[in-house]
Amino acid sequence: MKNHAPIKRHQALVSFSKEHHFGLLLVWKIRQGLINAVSPERIGKYVLFFFNDELKTHFKEEEQLLFCKLPVTDPLRLQAETEHKEIYQIMEEIAEDSDDEDLLRQFADKLEKHIRFEERILFNHLQSHISEEVLEIISARFSNPVDPDTQWKDTFWLEKK
């Protein structure tokens, strides 16, 4: 069994990582809802809420504060930006058809893969390519993120078959 040491994260990226935690919880909730045969429409409404309330802002801040600090030709920057566009595209499809189980699965898979990429690869790359001075400026961006579920009452992911 591999011993995975925690990744040392610069303070400038900690709040982004905390928001990623909520994104991974979203993935889990979607999957739990589908496993427990919850109406895809209920799950889709939550996904739309979460995306509009949390993920859009998170993506915009990553793009404006982090990705742009890398050269426009940087392959990891390009991958991150492309994945954001792909997630936006899936969200447009979910907005048109919020009860499509396949779209919900596709969204959950894409979001999980994207978050894992950012946490395991991109953030380490950013830490080694952004100056300490710039990282310190970015550090001032936030306090701790708030759990988005404080504004959502339908806890479908807790229902059992």
Protein backbone atom coordinates (compact mmCIF):
# COMPACT_ATOMS: atom_id res chain seq x y z
CA MET A 1 0.00 0.00 0.00
CA LYS A 2 1.36 3.40 -0.98
CA ASN A 3 1.87 6.00 1.68
CA HIS A 4 0.60 9.26 0.21
CA ALA A 5 2.06 12.20 2.07
CA PRO A 6 -0.16 15.27 2.11
CA ILE A 7 0.66 17.78 -0.60
CA LYS A 8 2.18 20.97 0.79
CA ARG A 9 -0.14 23.63 -0.52
CA HIS A 10 0.78 27.32 -0.60
CA GLN A 11 -1.66 29.44 1.38
CA ALA A 12 -2.70 31.17 -1.86
CA LEU A 13 -4.19 27.89 -3.08
CA VAL A 14 -5.68 26.59 0.17
CA SER A 15 -9.09 28.25 -0.29
CA PHE A 16 -9.29 26.86 -3.83
CA SER A 17 -8.53 23.39 -2.42
CA LYS A 18 -11.25 23.82 0.22
CA GLU A 19 -13.72 24.70 -2.53
CA HIS A 20 -12.57 21.58 -4.39
CA HIS A 21 -13.67 19.59 -1.35
CA PHE A 22 -17.23 20.87 -1.88
CA GLY A 23 -16.94 20.01 -5.58
CA LEU A 24 -15.99 16.44 -4.75
CA LEU A 25 -18.91 16.28 -2.33
CA LEU A 26 -21.15 17.37 -5.21
CA VAL A 27 -19.82 14.46 -7.27
CA TRP A 28 -20.53 12.07 -4.40
CA LYS A 29 -24.06 13.46 -3.92
CA ILE A 30 -24.88 13.04 -7.61
CA ARG A 31 -23.67 9.45 -7.53
CA GLN A 32 -25.51 8.67 -4.29
CA GLY A 33 -28.71 10.09 -5.71
CA LEU A 34 -28.39 7.97 -8.84
CA ILE A 35 -27.53 4.81 -6.87
CA ASN A 36 -30.59 5.34 -4.69
CA ALA A 37 -32.91 5.94 -7.67
CA VAL A 38 -33.64 9.55 -6.75
CA SER A 39 -35.45 11.44 -9.50
CA PRO A 40 -32.75 12.77 -11.87
CA GLU A 41 -34.72 16.01 -12.04
CA ARG A 42 -34.15 16.61 -8.30
CA ILE A 43 -30.46 15.89 -8.71
CA GLY A 44 -30.28 18.12 -11.79
CA LYS A 45 -31.88 21.04 -9.94
CA TYR A 46 -29.24 20.73 -7.22
CA VAL A 47 -26.44 20.54 -9.78
CA LEU A 48 -27.72 23.71 -11.46
CA PHE A 49 -28.01 25.45 -8.09
CA PHE A 50 -24.49 24.42 -7.06
CA PHE A 51 -22.99 25.37 -10.40
CA ASN A 52 -24.63 28.80 -10.49
CA ASP A 53 -24.04 29.50 -6.80
CA GLU A 54 -20.52 28.12 -6.39
CA LEU A 55 -18.71 26.63 -9.37
CA LYS A 56 -19.10 29.53 -11.81
CA THR A 57 -17.42 31.90 -9.37
CA HIS A 58 -14.76 29.33 -8.50
CA PHE A 59 -13.92 28.79 -12.18
CA LYS A 60 -13.82 32.52 -12.89
CA GLU A 61 -11.48 33.15 -9.96
CA GLU A 62 -9.17 30.31 -10.99
CA GLU A 63 -9.02 31.75 -14.50
CA GLN A 64 -8.52 35.37 -13.38
CA LEU A 65 -6.17 34.76 -10.45
CA LEU A 66 -4.28 31.57 -11.27
CA PHE A 67 -4.35 30.33 -14.84
CA CYS A 68 -3.50 33.75 -16.28
CA LYS A 69 -0.24 33.73 -14.31
CA LEU A 70 1.02 30.99 -16.65
CA PRO A 71 1.99 31.59 -20.28
CA VAL A 72 -0.94 31.26 -22.70
CA THR A 73 0.86 28.33 -24.33
CA ASP A 74 1.45 26.42 -21.08
CA PRO A 75 -0.02 22.93 -21.67
CA LEU A 76 -1.40 22.62 -18.13
CA ARG A 77 -3.08 26.02 -18.38
CA LEU A 78 -4.58 24.98 -21.71
CA GLN A 79 -5.83 21.71 -20.23
CA ALA A 80 -7.45 23.48 -17.26
CA GLU A 81 -9.14 26.07 -19.50
CA THR A 82 -10.35 23.38 -21.90
CA GLU A 83 -11.80 21.34 -19.05
CA HIS A 84 -13.63 24.41 -17.72
CA LYS A 85 -15.17 24.92 -21.17
CA GLU A 86 -16.20 21.27 -21.33
CA ILE A 87 -17.86 21.50 -17.91
CA TYR A 88 -19.68 24.69 -18.97
CA GLN A 89 -20.92 22.84 -22.07
CA ILE A 90 -22.26 19.95 -20.02
CA MET A 91 -23.97 22.44 -17.70
CA GLU A 92 -25.69 24.07 -20.67
CA GLU A 93 -27.02 20.64 -21.63
CA ILE A 94 -28.16 19.95 -18.06
CA ALA A 95 -29.93 23.33 -17.99
CA GLU A 96 -31.88 22.23 -21.08
CA ASP A 97 -32.56 18.71 -19.78
CA SER A 98 -32.02 18.49 -16.02
CA ASP A 99 -33.42 14.97 -15.71
CA ASP A 100 -30.94 13.20 -18.00
CA GLU A 101 -29.08 10.59 -15.92
CA ASP A 102 -26.33 10.21 -18.50
CA LEU A 103 -25.59 13.94 -18.44
CA LEU A 104 -25.47 13.90 -14.64
CA ARG A 105 -23.01 10.99 -14.70
CA GLN A 106 -20.94 12.69 -17.39
CA PHE A 107 -20.85 15.89 -15.34
CA ALA A 108 -19.84 14.04 -12.14
CA ASP A 109 -17.07 12.15 -13.93
CA LYS A 110 -15.73 15.24 -15.69
CA LEU A 111 -15.80 17.37 -12.54
CA GLU A 112 -14.05 14.73 -10.44
CA LYS A 113 -11.35 14.21 -13.06
CA HIS A 114 -10.85 17.98 -13.35
CA ILE A 115 -10.56 18.56 -9.59
CA ARG A 116 -8.09 15.67 -9.25
CA PHE A 117 -6.01 17.15 -12.10
CA GLU A 118 -5.93 20.58 -10.46
CA GLU A 119 -5.09 19.21 -7.01
CA ARG A 120 -2.47 16.67 -8.05
CA ILE A 121 -0.82 18.36 -11.03
CA LEU A 122 -1.84 21.93 -11.84
CA PHE A 123 -1.56 23.43 -8.34
CA ASN A 124 1.94 22.01 -7.89
CA HIS A 125 2.85 23.47 -11.28
CA LEU A 126 1.41 26.85 -10.30
CA GLN A 127 3.31 26.85 -7.00
CA SER A 128 6.57 26.35 -8.85
CA HIS A 129 5.86 28.86 -11.63
CA ILE A 130 4.26 31.80 -9.80
CA SER A 131 6.49 34.09 -7.78
CA GLU A 132 6.16 34.20 -4.00
CA GLU A 133 5.13 37.87 -4.23
CA VAL A 134 2.23 37.07 -6.56
CA LEU A 135 1.20 34.08 -4.44
CA GLU A 136 1.07 36.37 -1.40
CA ILE A 137 -1.24 38.78 -3.25
CA ILE A 138 -3.51 35.88 -4.24
CA SER A 139 -3.50 34.69 -0.60
CA ALA A 140 -5.53 37.73 0.42
CA ARG A 141 -8.46 36.67 -1.78
CA PHE A 142 -10.65 34.76 0.68
CA SER A 143 -11.48 33.45 4.03
CA ASN A 144 -12.94 29.97 4.35
CA PRO A 145 -15.62 28.94 1.86
CA VAL A 146 -19.14 28.44 3.18
CA ASP A 147 -20.93 25.13 2.76
CA PRO A 148 -23.36 25.73 -0.14
CA ASP A 149 -25.87 23.32 1.38
CA THR A 150 -26.83 25.90 3.98
CA GLN A 151 -29.05 27.33 1.21
CA TRP A 152 -30.39 23.99 -0.08
CA LYS A 153 -33.07 21.94 1.69
CA ASP A 154 -33.56 18.86 -0.54
CA THR A 155 -30.93 16.44 0.80
CA PHE A 156 -31.73 13.73 -1.75
CA TRP A 157 -28.28 12.14 -1.30
CA LEU A 158 -29.31 10.93 2.18
CA GLU A 159 -32.30 8.94 0.89
CA LYS A 160 -32.00 5.17 0.75
CA LYS A 161 -33.56 2.86 -1.85
